[in-house]
N, C-alpha and C. Protein backbone atom coordinates (compact mmCIF):
# COMPACT_ATOMS: atom_id res chain seq x y z
N MET A 1 85.95 75.99 125.69
CA MET A 1 86.90 76.74 124.87
C MET A 1 86.17 77.83 124.09
N GLY A 2 86.71 79.05 124.12
CA GLY A 2 86.08 80.16 123.42
C GLY A 2 86.23 80.07 121.91
N ILE A 3 85.40 80.80 121.20
CA ILE A 3 85.38 80.70 119.74
C ILE A 3 86.70 81.13 119.10
N LEU A 4 87.46 82.01 119.77
CA LEU A 4 88.73 82.46 119.20
C LEU A 4 89.93 81.64 119.68
N GLU A 5 89.67 80.63 120.54
CA GLU A 5 90.73 79.71 120.90
C GLU A 5 90.80 78.59 119.86
N ASN A 6 90.82 79.01 118.65
CA ASN A 6 90.88 78.15 117.48
C ASN A 6 91.76 78.87 116.47
N LYS A 7 92.79 78.22 116.01
CA LYS A 7 93.80 78.91 115.22
C LYS A 7 93.23 79.44 113.91
N ALA A 8 92.39 78.67 113.25
CA ALA A 8 91.82 79.11 111.98
C ALA A 8 90.90 80.32 112.19
N ARG A 9 90.07 80.27 113.23
CA ARG A 9 89.18 81.41 113.49
C ARG A 9 89.98 82.64 113.89
N ALA A 10 91.01 82.44 114.69
CA ALA A 10 91.83 83.57 115.12
C ALA A 10 92.52 84.22 113.92
N ARG A 11 93.03 83.42 113.00
CA ARG A 11 93.66 83.98 111.79
C ARG A 11 92.66 84.78 110.97
N PHE A 12 91.44 84.24 110.82
CA PHE A 12 90.40 84.94 110.08
C PHE A 12 90.04 86.25 110.77
N PHE A 13 89.93 86.21 112.10
CA PHE A 13 89.60 87.38 112.90
C PHE A 13 90.65 88.48 112.68
N TYR A 14 91.92 88.10 112.74
CA TYR A 14 92.97 89.09 112.61
C TYR A 14 93.22 89.54 111.18
N LYS A 15 92.70 88.80 110.22
CA LYS A 15 92.79 89.25 108.83
C LYS A 15 92.15 90.61 108.68
N TYR A 16 91.06 90.84 109.39
CA TYR A 16 90.34 92.12 109.31
C TYR A 16 90.73 93.07 110.45
N LEU A 17 90.95 92.53 111.64
CA LEU A 17 91.30 93.39 112.76
C LEU A 17 92.67 94.03 112.58
N SER A 18 93.56 93.38 111.84
CA SER A 18 94.92 93.90 111.68
C SER A 18 94.93 95.31 111.09
N LYS A 19 93.89 95.64 110.31
CA LYS A 19 93.84 96.96 109.66
C LYS A 19 93.62 98.09 110.66
N VAL A 20 92.97 97.78 111.79
CA VAL A 20 92.67 98.81 112.79
C VAL A 20 93.18 98.40 114.17
N TYR A 21 94.03 97.39 114.20
CA TYR A 21 94.43 96.80 115.49
C TYR A 21 95.06 97.82 116.43
N ASP A 22 95.98 98.62 115.94
CA ASP A 22 96.68 99.57 116.81
C ASP A 22 95.72 100.58 117.42
N GLU A 23 94.72 101.00 116.65
CA GLU A 23 93.75 101.97 117.17
C GLU A 23 92.86 101.35 118.25
N VAL A 24 92.40 100.12 118.01
CA VAL A 24 91.55 99.42 118.98
C VAL A 24 92.36 99.03 120.22
N ASN A 25 93.56 98.56 120.00
CA ASN A 25 94.40 98.07 121.08
C ASN A 25 94.73 99.15 122.10
N ALA A 26 94.79 100.39 121.65
CA ALA A 26 95.19 101.49 122.53
C ALA A 26 94.25 101.68 123.72
N PHE A 27 93.02 101.18 123.61
CA PHE A 27 92.07 101.32 124.71
C PHE A 27 92.19 100.18 125.73
N ILE A 28 92.90 99.12 125.36
CA ILE A 28 92.98 97.93 126.21
C ILE A 28 94.40 97.70 126.73
N TRP A 29 95.35 97.77 125.82
CA TRP A 29 96.76 97.50 126.14
C TRP A 29 97.54 98.75 125.77
N THR A 30 97.73 99.63 126.74
CA THR A 30 98.23 100.97 126.49
C THR A 30 99.76 101.03 126.54
N GLU A 31 100.29 102.15 126.08
CA GLU A 31 101.74 102.36 126.15
C GLU A 31 102.21 102.37 127.60
N GLU A 32 101.39 102.94 128.48
CA GLU A 32 101.75 102.97 129.90
C GLU A 32 101.83 101.55 130.47
N MET A 33 100.89 100.70 130.10
CA MET A 33 100.93 99.31 130.56
C MET A 33 102.14 98.59 130.00
N ARG A 34 102.43 98.84 128.74
CA ARG A 34 103.61 98.23 128.12
C ARG A 34 104.88 98.64 128.85
N THR A 35 105.00 99.93 129.16
CA THR A 35 106.16 100.43 129.87
C THR A 35 106.27 99.80 131.26
N GLU A 36 105.11 99.68 131.93
CA GLU A 36 105.10 99.06 133.26
C GLU A 36 105.56 97.61 133.19
N ALA A 37 105.07 96.87 132.19
CA ALA A 37 105.45 95.47 132.05
C ALA A 37 106.94 95.33 131.72
N ILE A 38 107.43 96.15 130.81
CA ILE A 38 108.86 96.08 130.47
C ILE A 38 109.72 96.41 131.69
N GLY A 39 109.19 97.28 132.55
CA GLY A 39 109.91 97.64 133.77
C GLY A 39 110.06 96.49 134.74
N LEU A 40 109.29 95.43 134.59
CA LEU A 40 109.42 94.25 135.43
C LEU A 40 110.62 93.40 135.04
N LEU A 41 111.21 93.72 133.89
CA LEU A 41 112.36 92.98 133.38
C LEU A 41 113.58 93.89 133.37
N ASP A 42 114.72 93.31 133.44
CA ASP A 42 115.97 94.07 133.35
C ASP A 42 116.61 93.73 132.01
N ILE A 43 116.08 94.34 130.94
CA ILE A 43 116.53 94.01 129.60
C ILE A 43 117.75 94.86 129.25
N GLY A 44 118.84 94.20 128.89
CA GLY A 44 120.06 94.88 128.50
C GLY A 44 120.21 94.89 127.00
N PRO A 45 121.10 95.73 126.47
CA PRO A 45 121.26 95.86 125.01
C PRO A 45 121.74 94.59 124.32
N ASP A 46 122.36 93.68 125.06
CA ASP A 46 122.84 92.44 124.46
C ASP A 46 121.85 91.28 124.61
N ASP A 47 120.74 91.54 125.29
CA ASP A 47 119.75 90.48 125.50
C ASP A 47 119.02 90.16 124.19
N ARG A 48 118.80 88.89 123.99
CA ARG A 48 118.04 88.42 122.82
C ARG A 48 116.62 88.14 123.28
N VAL A 49 115.64 88.79 122.64
CA VAL A 49 114.24 88.75 123.08
C VAL A 49 113.36 88.13 122.00
N LEU A 50 112.48 87.24 122.41
CA LEU A 50 111.46 86.69 121.52
C LEU A 50 110.12 87.25 121.92
N ASP A 51 109.41 87.85 120.95
CA ASP A 51 108.07 88.39 121.16
C ASP A 51 107.07 87.42 120.52
N VAL A 52 106.45 86.58 121.35
CA VAL A 52 105.53 85.54 120.87
C VAL A 52 104.14 86.14 120.71
N GLY A 53 103.58 86.00 119.51
CA GLY A 53 102.29 86.64 119.23
C GLY A 53 102.48 88.14 119.11
N CYS A 54 103.49 88.52 118.35
CA CYS A 54 103.89 89.94 118.27
C CYS A 54 102.86 90.82 117.59
N GLY A 55 101.94 90.22 116.83
CA GLY A 55 100.92 91.02 116.16
C GLY A 55 101.51 92.08 115.25
N THR A 56 101.03 93.30 115.39
CA THR A 56 101.52 94.40 114.56
C THR A 56 102.79 95.03 115.11
N GLY A 57 103.32 94.47 116.19
CA GLY A 57 104.59 94.97 116.73
C GLY A 57 104.45 96.03 117.80
N PHE A 58 103.29 96.10 118.46
CA PHE A 58 103.10 97.12 119.49
C PHE A 58 104.09 96.94 120.64
N ALA A 59 104.19 95.71 121.15
CA ALA A 59 105.15 95.47 122.23
C ALA A 59 106.58 95.62 121.73
N THR A 60 106.81 95.19 120.50
CA THR A 60 108.15 95.29 119.92
C THR A 60 108.64 96.73 119.90
N GLU A 61 107.73 97.67 119.68
CA GLU A 61 108.10 99.08 119.68
C GLU A 61 108.66 99.52 121.02
N GLY A 62 108.15 98.96 122.11
CA GLY A 62 108.68 99.28 123.42
C GLY A 62 109.96 98.52 123.72
N LEU A 63 110.00 97.26 123.32
CA LEU A 63 111.17 96.42 123.60
C LEU A 63 112.42 96.91 122.87
N ILE A 64 112.24 97.45 121.66
CA ILE A 64 113.39 97.85 120.87
C ILE A 64 114.11 99.06 121.46
N GLU A 65 113.47 99.73 122.41
CA GLU A 65 114.14 100.82 123.11
C GLU A 65 115.20 100.30 124.08
N HIS A 66 115.17 98.99 124.34
CA HIS A 66 116.11 98.39 125.29
C HIS A 66 117.13 97.48 124.60
N THR A 67 116.72 96.83 123.54
CA THR A 67 117.62 95.97 122.78
C THR A 67 117.13 95.86 121.34
N GLU A 68 118.06 95.74 120.41
CA GLU A 68 117.67 95.57 119.01
C GLU A 68 117.65 94.10 118.61
N ARG A 69 118.00 93.24 119.53
CA ARG A 69 118.08 91.81 119.22
C ARG A 69 116.71 91.17 119.50
N ILE A 70 115.74 91.54 118.68
CA ILE A 70 114.35 91.11 118.89
C ILE A 70 113.89 90.23 117.74
N HIS A 71 113.19 89.18 118.08
CA HIS A 71 112.60 88.27 117.10
C HIS A 71 111.10 88.22 117.39
N GLY A 72 110.28 88.57 116.41
CA GLY A 72 108.84 88.57 116.57
C GLY A 72 108.20 87.41 115.83
N LEU A 73 107.26 86.74 116.47
CA LEU A 73 106.59 85.58 115.86
C LEU A 73 105.09 85.74 116.00
N ASP A 74 104.37 85.42 114.93
CA ASP A 74 102.91 85.46 114.96
C ASP A 74 102.37 84.47 113.94
N GLN A 75 101.17 83.96 114.18
CA GLN A 75 100.56 83.02 113.23
C GLN A 75 99.80 83.73 112.12
N SER A 76 99.53 85.04 112.30
CA SER A 76 98.74 85.78 111.33
C SER A 76 99.64 86.51 110.33
N VAL A 77 99.54 86.13 109.08
CA VAL A 77 100.34 86.80 108.06
C VAL A 77 99.93 88.26 107.92
N HIS A 78 98.67 88.56 108.18
CA HIS A 78 98.19 89.94 108.06
C HIS A 78 98.75 90.82 109.17
N GLN A 79 98.83 90.29 110.38
CA GLN A 79 99.44 91.03 111.47
C GLN A 79 100.93 91.26 111.19
N LEU A 80 101.61 90.22 110.69
CA LEU A 80 103.03 90.34 110.40
C LEU A 80 103.30 91.36 109.30
N GLU A 81 102.41 91.41 108.32
CA GLU A 81 102.57 92.41 107.25
C GLU A 81 102.54 93.82 107.83
N GLN A 82 101.63 94.04 108.78
CA GLN A 82 101.56 95.36 109.43
C GLN A 82 102.83 95.64 110.22
N ALA A 83 103.33 94.64 110.93
CA ALA A 83 104.55 94.82 111.72
C ALA A 83 105.75 95.11 110.83
N GLU A 84 105.90 94.35 109.76
CA GLU A 84 107.03 94.54 108.86
C GLU A 84 106.98 95.91 108.18
N GLU A 85 105.77 96.36 107.85
CA GLU A 85 105.62 97.68 107.26
C GLU A 85 105.97 98.77 108.28
N LYS A 86 105.60 98.55 109.52
CA LYS A 86 105.85 99.52 110.58
C LYS A 86 107.35 99.69 110.82
N PHE A 87 108.09 98.60 110.84
CA PHE A 87 109.51 98.67 111.18
C PHE A 87 110.41 98.87 109.96
N GLY A 88 109.94 98.45 108.80
CA GLY A 88 110.73 98.66 107.59
C GLY A 88 111.76 97.57 107.36
N ARG A 89 112.25 97.51 106.14
CA ARG A 89 113.18 96.46 105.74
C ARG A 89 114.54 96.54 106.44
N ARG A 90 114.93 97.73 106.84
CA ARG A 90 116.25 97.90 107.46
C ARG A 90 116.23 97.70 108.96
N SER A 91 115.09 97.37 109.50
CA SER A 91 114.98 97.17 110.94
C SER A 91 115.79 95.94 111.37
N PRO A 92 116.41 96.00 112.55
CA PRO A 92 117.12 94.82 113.06
C PRO A 92 116.17 93.72 113.54
N VAL A 93 114.88 94.04 113.71
CA VAL A 93 113.91 93.05 114.18
C VAL A 93 113.66 92.01 113.09
N ARG A 94 113.66 90.75 113.48
CA ARG A 94 113.36 89.67 112.54
C ARG A 94 111.99 89.09 112.88
N PHE A 95 111.17 88.94 111.85
CA PHE A 95 109.81 88.43 112.05
C PHE A 95 109.66 87.04 111.43
N TYR A 96 108.86 86.21 112.10
CA TYR A 96 108.63 84.84 111.65
C TYR A 96 107.14 84.54 111.75
N ARG A 97 106.65 83.76 110.82
CA ARG A 97 105.31 83.23 110.96
C ARG A 97 105.41 81.88 111.63
N GLY A 98 104.72 81.71 112.75
CA GLY A 98 104.85 80.46 113.47
C GLY A 98 103.81 80.31 114.55
N ASP A 99 103.87 79.18 115.23
CA ASP A 99 102.88 78.75 116.21
C ASP A 99 103.49 78.77 117.60
N ALA A 100 102.80 79.38 118.56
CA ALA A 100 103.31 79.45 119.93
C ALA A 100 103.48 78.07 120.55
N GLU A 101 102.72 77.10 120.07
CA GLU A 101 102.80 75.76 120.63
C GLU A 101 103.92 74.93 120.02
N ARG A 102 104.56 75.46 118.96
CA ARG A 102 105.68 74.78 118.31
C ARG A 102 106.68 75.86 117.86
N LEU A 103 107.36 76.45 118.81
CA LEU A 103 108.27 77.54 118.49
C LEU A 103 109.45 77.03 117.67
N PRO A 104 109.76 77.68 116.55
CA PRO A 104 110.81 77.20 115.64
C PRO A 104 112.21 77.65 116.06
N PHE A 105 112.55 77.43 117.31
CA PHE A 105 113.84 77.85 117.83
C PHE A 105 114.42 76.75 118.71
N ALA A 106 115.74 76.74 118.81
CA ALA A 106 116.43 75.74 119.62
C ALA A 106 116.25 76.03 121.11
N ASP A 107 116.52 75.03 121.92
CA ASP A 107 116.46 75.19 123.36
C ASP A 107 117.42 76.30 123.81
N SER A 108 117.01 77.02 124.86
CA SER A 108 117.87 78.01 125.53
C SER A 108 118.44 79.05 124.56
N THR A 109 117.58 79.58 123.69
CA THR A 109 118.02 80.54 122.68
C THR A 109 117.93 81.99 123.16
N PHE A 110 116.94 82.30 123.99
CA PHE A 110 116.62 83.70 124.31
C PHE A 110 116.85 84.03 125.79
N ASP A 111 117.22 85.29 126.01
CA ASP A 111 117.35 85.80 127.37
C ASP A 111 115.99 86.16 127.94
N VAL A 112 115.10 86.62 127.07
CA VAL A 112 113.74 87.00 127.47
C VAL A 112 112.75 86.46 126.45
N VAL A 113 111.70 85.83 126.93
CA VAL A 113 110.56 85.49 126.08
C VAL A 113 109.38 86.31 126.57
N TRP A 114 108.83 87.10 125.67
CA TRP A 114 107.74 88.03 125.99
C TRP A 114 106.51 87.64 125.17
N SER A 115 105.35 87.76 125.79
CA SER A 115 104.11 87.56 125.03
C SER A 115 103.01 88.40 125.67
N SER A 116 102.44 89.30 124.92
CA SER A 116 101.36 90.15 125.44
C SER A 116 100.17 90.10 124.48
N GLY A 117 99.00 89.81 125.04
CA GLY A 117 97.79 89.77 124.23
C GLY A 117 97.74 88.60 123.27
N SER A 118 98.35 87.49 123.65
CA SER A 118 98.37 86.33 122.76
C SER A 118 97.87 85.06 123.44
N ILE A 119 98.18 84.87 124.72
CA ILE A 119 97.84 83.62 125.41
C ILE A 119 96.34 83.33 125.36
N GLU A 120 95.53 84.37 125.29
CA GLU A 120 94.09 84.15 125.29
C GLU A 120 93.59 83.43 124.04
N TYR A 121 94.43 83.35 122.99
CA TYR A 121 94.06 82.66 121.75
C TYR A 121 94.69 81.27 121.65
N TRP A 122 95.52 80.88 122.61
CA TRP A 122 96.22 79.61 122.52
C TRP A 122 95.28 78.47 122.93
N PRO A 123 94.99 77.53 122.04
CA PRO A 123 94.11 76.41 122.40
C PRO A 123 94.68 75.56 123.54
N ARG A 124 96.01 75.44 123.58
CA ARG A 124 96.67 74.65 124.63
C ARG A 124 97.72 75.54 125.30
N PRO A 125 97.28 76.43 126.19
CA PRO A 125 98.20 77.40 126.77
C PRO A 125 99.36 76.77 127.54
N VAL A 126 99.12 75.66 128.22
CA VAL A 126 100.21 75.03 128.97
C VAL A 126 101.30 74.54 128.02
N GLU A 127 100.89 73.97 126.88
CA GLU A 127 101.87 73.52 125.89
C GLU A 127 102.71 74.69 125.38
N ALA A 128 102.06 75.82 125.12
CA ALA A 128 102.77 76.99 124.65
C ALA A 128 103.71 77.55 125.73
N LEU A 129 103.27 77.53 126.97
CA LEU A 129 104.13 77.98 128.06
C LEU A 129 105.34 77.06 128.21
N ARG A 130 105.16 75.78 127.99
CA ARG A 130 106.30 74.86 128.01
C ARG A 130 107.30 75.20 126.90
N GLU A 131 106.76 75.59 125.76
CA GLU A 131 107.63 76.00 124.66
C GLU A 131 108.40 77.27 125.02
N CYS A 132 107.72 78.22 125.66
CA CYS A 132 108.41 79.44 126.10
C CYS A 132 109.53 79.09 127.08
N ARG A 133 109.25 78.18 127.98
CA ARG A 133 110.26 77.75 128.95
C ARG A 133 111.42 77.03 128.25
N ARG A 134 111.10 76.28 127.23
CA ARG A 134 112.14 75.53 126.51
C ARG A 134 113.14 76.45 125.82
N VAL A 135 112.64 77.51 125.18
CA VAL A 135 113.53 78.33 124.35
C VAL A 135 114.21 79.45 125.13
N VAL A 136 113.84 79.66 126.40
CA VAL A 136 114.50 80.68 127.20
C VAL A 136 115.71 80.05 127.89
N LYS A 137 116.73 80.85 128.12
CA LYS A 137 117.94 80.37 128.78
C LYS A 137 117.64 80.05 130.25
N PRO A 138 118.44 79.18 130.87
CA PRO A 138 118.19 78.80 132.27
C PRO A 138 118.14 79.99 133.23
N ASP A 139 118.87 81.04 132.93
CA ASP A 139 118.84 82.22 133.78
C ASP A 139 117.99 83.34 133.18
N GLY A 140 117.16 82.99 132.20
CA GLY A 140 116.34 83.99 131.52
C GLY A 140 115.01 84.22 132.22
N ARG A 141 114.17 85.02 131.56
CA ARG A 141 112.87 85.35 132.12
C ARG A 141 111.79 85.24 131.05
N VAL A 142 110.62 84.83 131.47
CA VAL A 142 109.45 84.75 130.59
C VAL A 142 108.39 85.68 131.15
N LEU A 143 107.86 86.55 130.30
CA LEU A 143 106.78 87.45 130.73
C LEU A 143 105.58 87.24 129.83
N ILE A 144 104.44 86.98 130.45
CA ILE A 144 103.20 86.73 129.73
C ILE A 144 102.13 87.69 130.23
N VAL A 145 101.50 88.40 129.32
CA VAL A 145 100.39 89.29 129.65
C VAL A 145 99.11 88.69 129.06
N GLY A 146 98.13 88.49 129.91
CA GLY A 146 96.85 87.96 129.44
C GLY A 146 95.70 88.69 130.10
N PRO A 147 94.47 88.39 129.68
CA PRO A 147 93.30 89.08 130.25
C PRO A 147 92.86 88.49 131.58
N ASN A 148 92.73 89.35 132.57
CA ASN A 148 92.28 88.94 133.88
C ASN A 148 90.79 88.54 133.83
N TYR A 149 90.43 87.52 134.58
CA TYR A 149 89.05 87.03 134.56
C TYR A 149 88.11 88.07 135.17
N PRO A 150 87.02 88.42 134.48
CA PRO A 150 86.10 89.43 135.01
C PRO A 150 85.48 89.01 136.35
N SER A 151 85.12 90.00 137.14
CA SER A 151 84.53 89.71 138.45
C SER A 151 83.01 89.56 138.38
N ARG A 152 82.38 90.11 137.35
CA ARG A 152 80.92 90.05 137.23
C ARG A 152 80.49 88.83 136.41
N THR A 153 79.42 88.19 136.87
CA THR A 153 78.96 86.94 136.26
C THR A 153 78.64 87.11 134.78
N LEU A 154 77.96 88.19 134.41
CA LEU A 154 77.59 88.40 133.01
C LEU A 154 78.83 88.48 132.13
N PHE A 155 79.82 89.24 132.57
CA PHE A 155 81.05 89.37 131.79
C PHE A 155 81.85 88.06 131.79
N GLN A 156 81.73 87.28 132.85
CA GLN A 156 82.42 85.99 132.90
C GLN A 156 81.88 85.07 131.81
N LYS A 157 80.55 85.04 131.66
CA LYS A 157 79.95 84.17 130.63
C LYS A 157 80.35 84.62 129.23
N LEU A 158 80.38 85.93 129.03
CA LEU A 158 80.79 86.46 127.73
C LEU A 158 82.25 86.14 127.46
N ALA A 159 83.09 86.32 128.48
CA ALA A 159 84.52 86.04 128.33
C ALA A 159 84.75 84.57 127.99
N ASP A 160 84.07 83.68 128.71
CA ASP A 160 84.25 82.24 128.49
C ASP A 160 83.86 81.84 127.07
N ALA A 161 82.90 82.55 126.50
CA ALA A 161 82.43 82.21 125.15
C ALA A 161 83.39 82.67 124.06
N ILE A 162 84.24 83.63 124.38
CA ILE A 162 85.08 84.22 123.35
C ILE A 162 86.48 83.62 123.33
N MET A 163 87.17 83.67 124.47
CA MET A 163 88.56 83.22 124.50
C MET A 163 88.97 82.98 125.95
N LEU A 164 90.23 82.70 126.17
CA LEU A 164 90.72 82.39 127.51
C LEU A 164 90.88 83.64 128.36
N PHE A 165 90.18 83.68 129.46
CA PHE A 165 90.41 84.64 130.53
C PHE A 165 90.78 83.82 131.76
N TYR A 166 91.66 84.32 132.60
CA TYR A 166 92.07 83.53 133.75
C TYR A 166 92.45 84.42 134.92
N ASP A 167 92.30 83.88 136.13
CA ASP A 167 92.66 84.62 137.34
C ASP A 167 94.01 84.12 137.84
N GLU A 168 94.43 84.62 139.01
CA GLU A 168 95.74 84.27 139.53
C GLU A 168 95.84 82.79 139.89
N ASP A 169 94.75 82.19 140.38
CA ASP A 169 94.77 80.77 140.71
C ASP A 169 94.97 79.92 139.46
N GLU A 170 94.29 80.28 138.40
CA GLU A 170 94.45 79.54 137.14
C GLU A 170 95.83 79.77 136.56
N ALA A 171 96.35 80.98 136.70
CA ALA A 171 97.71 81.27 136.25
C ALA A 171 98.71 80.40 137.00
N ASP A 172 98.51 80.27 138.32
CA ASP A 172 99.38 79.39 139.11
C ASP A 172 99.37 77.97 138.53
N ARG A 173 98.18 77.47 138.25
CA ARG A 173 98.07 76.11 137.73
C ARG A 173 98.78 75.95 136.41
N MET A 174 98.59 76.91 135.49
CA MET A 174 99.18 76.80 134.16
C MET A 174 100.70 76.86 134.23
N PHE A 175 101.23 77.81 134.99
CA PHE A 175 102.69 77.95 135.04
C PHE A 175 103.34 76.80 135.79
N GLN A 176 102.67 76.29 136.82
CA GLN A 176 103.20 75.11 137.51
C GLN A 176 103.18 73.90 136.58
N SER A 177 102.10 73.72 135.84
CA SER A 177 101.99 72.60 134.91
C SER A 177 103.02 72.68 133.80
N ALA A 178 103.40 73.90 133.44
CA ALA A 178 104.39 74.09 132.39
C ALA A 178 105.82 73.91 132.90
N GLY A 179 105.97 73.74 134.21
CA GLY A 179 107.28 73.43 134.76
C GLY A 179 108.06 74.60 135.31
N PHE A 180 107.44 75.77 135.40
CA PHE A 180 108.15 76.93 135.95
C PHE A 180 108.29 76.79 137.46
N GLY A 181 109.50 77.08 137.95
CA GLY A 181 109.75 76.95 139.37
C GLY A 181 109.37 78.19 140.16
N GLU A 182 109.59 79.35 139.57
CA GLU A 182 109.30 80.61 140.24
C GLU A 182 108.54 81.54 139.31
N PHE A 183 107.51 82.20 139.85
CA PHE A 183 106.78 83.18 139.04
C PHE A 183 105.99 84.08 139.97
N GLU A 184 105.66 85.25 139.46
CA GLU A 184 104.85 86.20 140.22
C GLU A 184 103.89 86.91 139.27
N HIS A 185 102.72 87.26 139.80
CA HIS A 185 101.68 87.90 138.99
C HIS A 185 101.52 89.36 139.39
N HIS A 186 101.21 90.17 138.39
CA HIS A 186 100.95 91.60 138.60
C HIS A 186 99.68 91.95 137.85
N LEU A 187 98.73 92.60 138.51
CA LEU A 187 97.53 93.08 137.85
C LEU A 187 97.77 94.51 137.38
N MET A 188 97.37 94.80 136.16
CA MET A 188 97.59 96.14 135.61
C MET A 188 96.50 96.47 134.60
N GLY A 189 96.41 97.75 134.28
CA GLY A 189 95.41 98.18 133.32
C GLY A 189 95.33 99.68 133.25
N PRO A 190 94.58 100.21 132.29
CA PRO A 190 94.38 101.66 132.20
C PRO A 190 93.54 102.17 133.37
N SER A 191 93.45 103.47 133.52
CA SER A 191 92.76 104.05 134.67
C SER A 191 91.30 103.62 134.78
N HIS A 192 90.65 103.41 133.64
CA HIS A 192 89.23 103.03 133.68
C HIS A 192 89.02 101.57 134.06
N SER A 193 90.09 100.75 134.00
CA SER A 193 89.98 99.33 134.35
C SER A 193 91.36 98.84 134.80
N PRO A 194 91.77 99.21 136.01
CA PRO A 194 93.16 98.99 136.44
C PRO A 194 93.57 97.55 136.66
N GLU A 195 92.63 96.60 136.59
CA GLU A 195 92.98 95.20 136.78
C GLU A 195 92.56 94.35 135.58
N ILE A 196 92.56 94.94 134.40
CA ILE A 196 92.08 94.25 133.21
C ILE A 196 93.06 93.18 132.73
N ALA A 197 94.35 93.35 133.06
CA ALA A 197 95.37 92.42 132.58
C ALA A 197 96.08 91.76 133.75
N ILE A 198 96.50 90.53 133.53
CA ILE A 198 97.32 89.82 134.50
C ILE A 198 98.66 89.53 133.82
N THR A 199 99.72 90.03 134.43
CA THR A 199 101.07 89.89 133.88
C THR A 199 101.89 89.00 134.78
N THR A 200 102.44 87.95 134.21
CA THR A 200 103.22 87.00 134.98
C THR A 200 104.67 87.03 134.52
N VAL A 201 105.57 87.16 135.47
CA VAL A 201 107.00 87.07 135.19
C VAL A 201 107.48 85.77 135.81
N ALA A 202 108.10 84.91 134.99
CA ALA A 202 108.49 83.58 135.44
C ALA A 202 109.95 83.30 135.13
N ASN A 203 110.56 82.52 136.00
CA ASN A 203 111.92 82.02 135.79
C ASN A 203 111.84 80.53 135.53
N PRO A 204 112.61 80.05 134.58
CA PRO A 204 112.50 78.63 134.23
C PRO A 204 112.95 77.70 135.34
């Protein structure tokens, strides 16, 4: 388990990273990638969307162009403060502080459950994926964006020491273990690293 696959360490990490998160994030998880991922879903204006690990609201900014019925959840109060400041008090987006492994929502609440740049910090990713499956409607969709496992040995060792990186085979195992019947993976990334992210769209 990587050093940031620990909730307390991750909260401490984001206490400081939240101040520059949007600037740093732009080199890894770009607007173009966000648009591409959203394009894998058919989000309508009446769809209710949960953004798990919403951070400062980067994904939420793209999602709100399709529906205003968005609920953002994150364990970091500092990230949430940045998101709430970004959207303002009159925003229709509702933010919650919570844990991906214990989502504070009833079964079959959302049409779409989205999570980008969060699974790599989940100590028990299969448990969190089960929670995503639980709160999405039977005909809904779950989209998870995580870091693709590096191909070079040196980077693999570094990745393993920090947080969860996984390839398509490991993604298959996690989503199958979480009970998803159908899912597909898409590799995406910026021009300098076109396969840096692995995006999975799953049906419960």
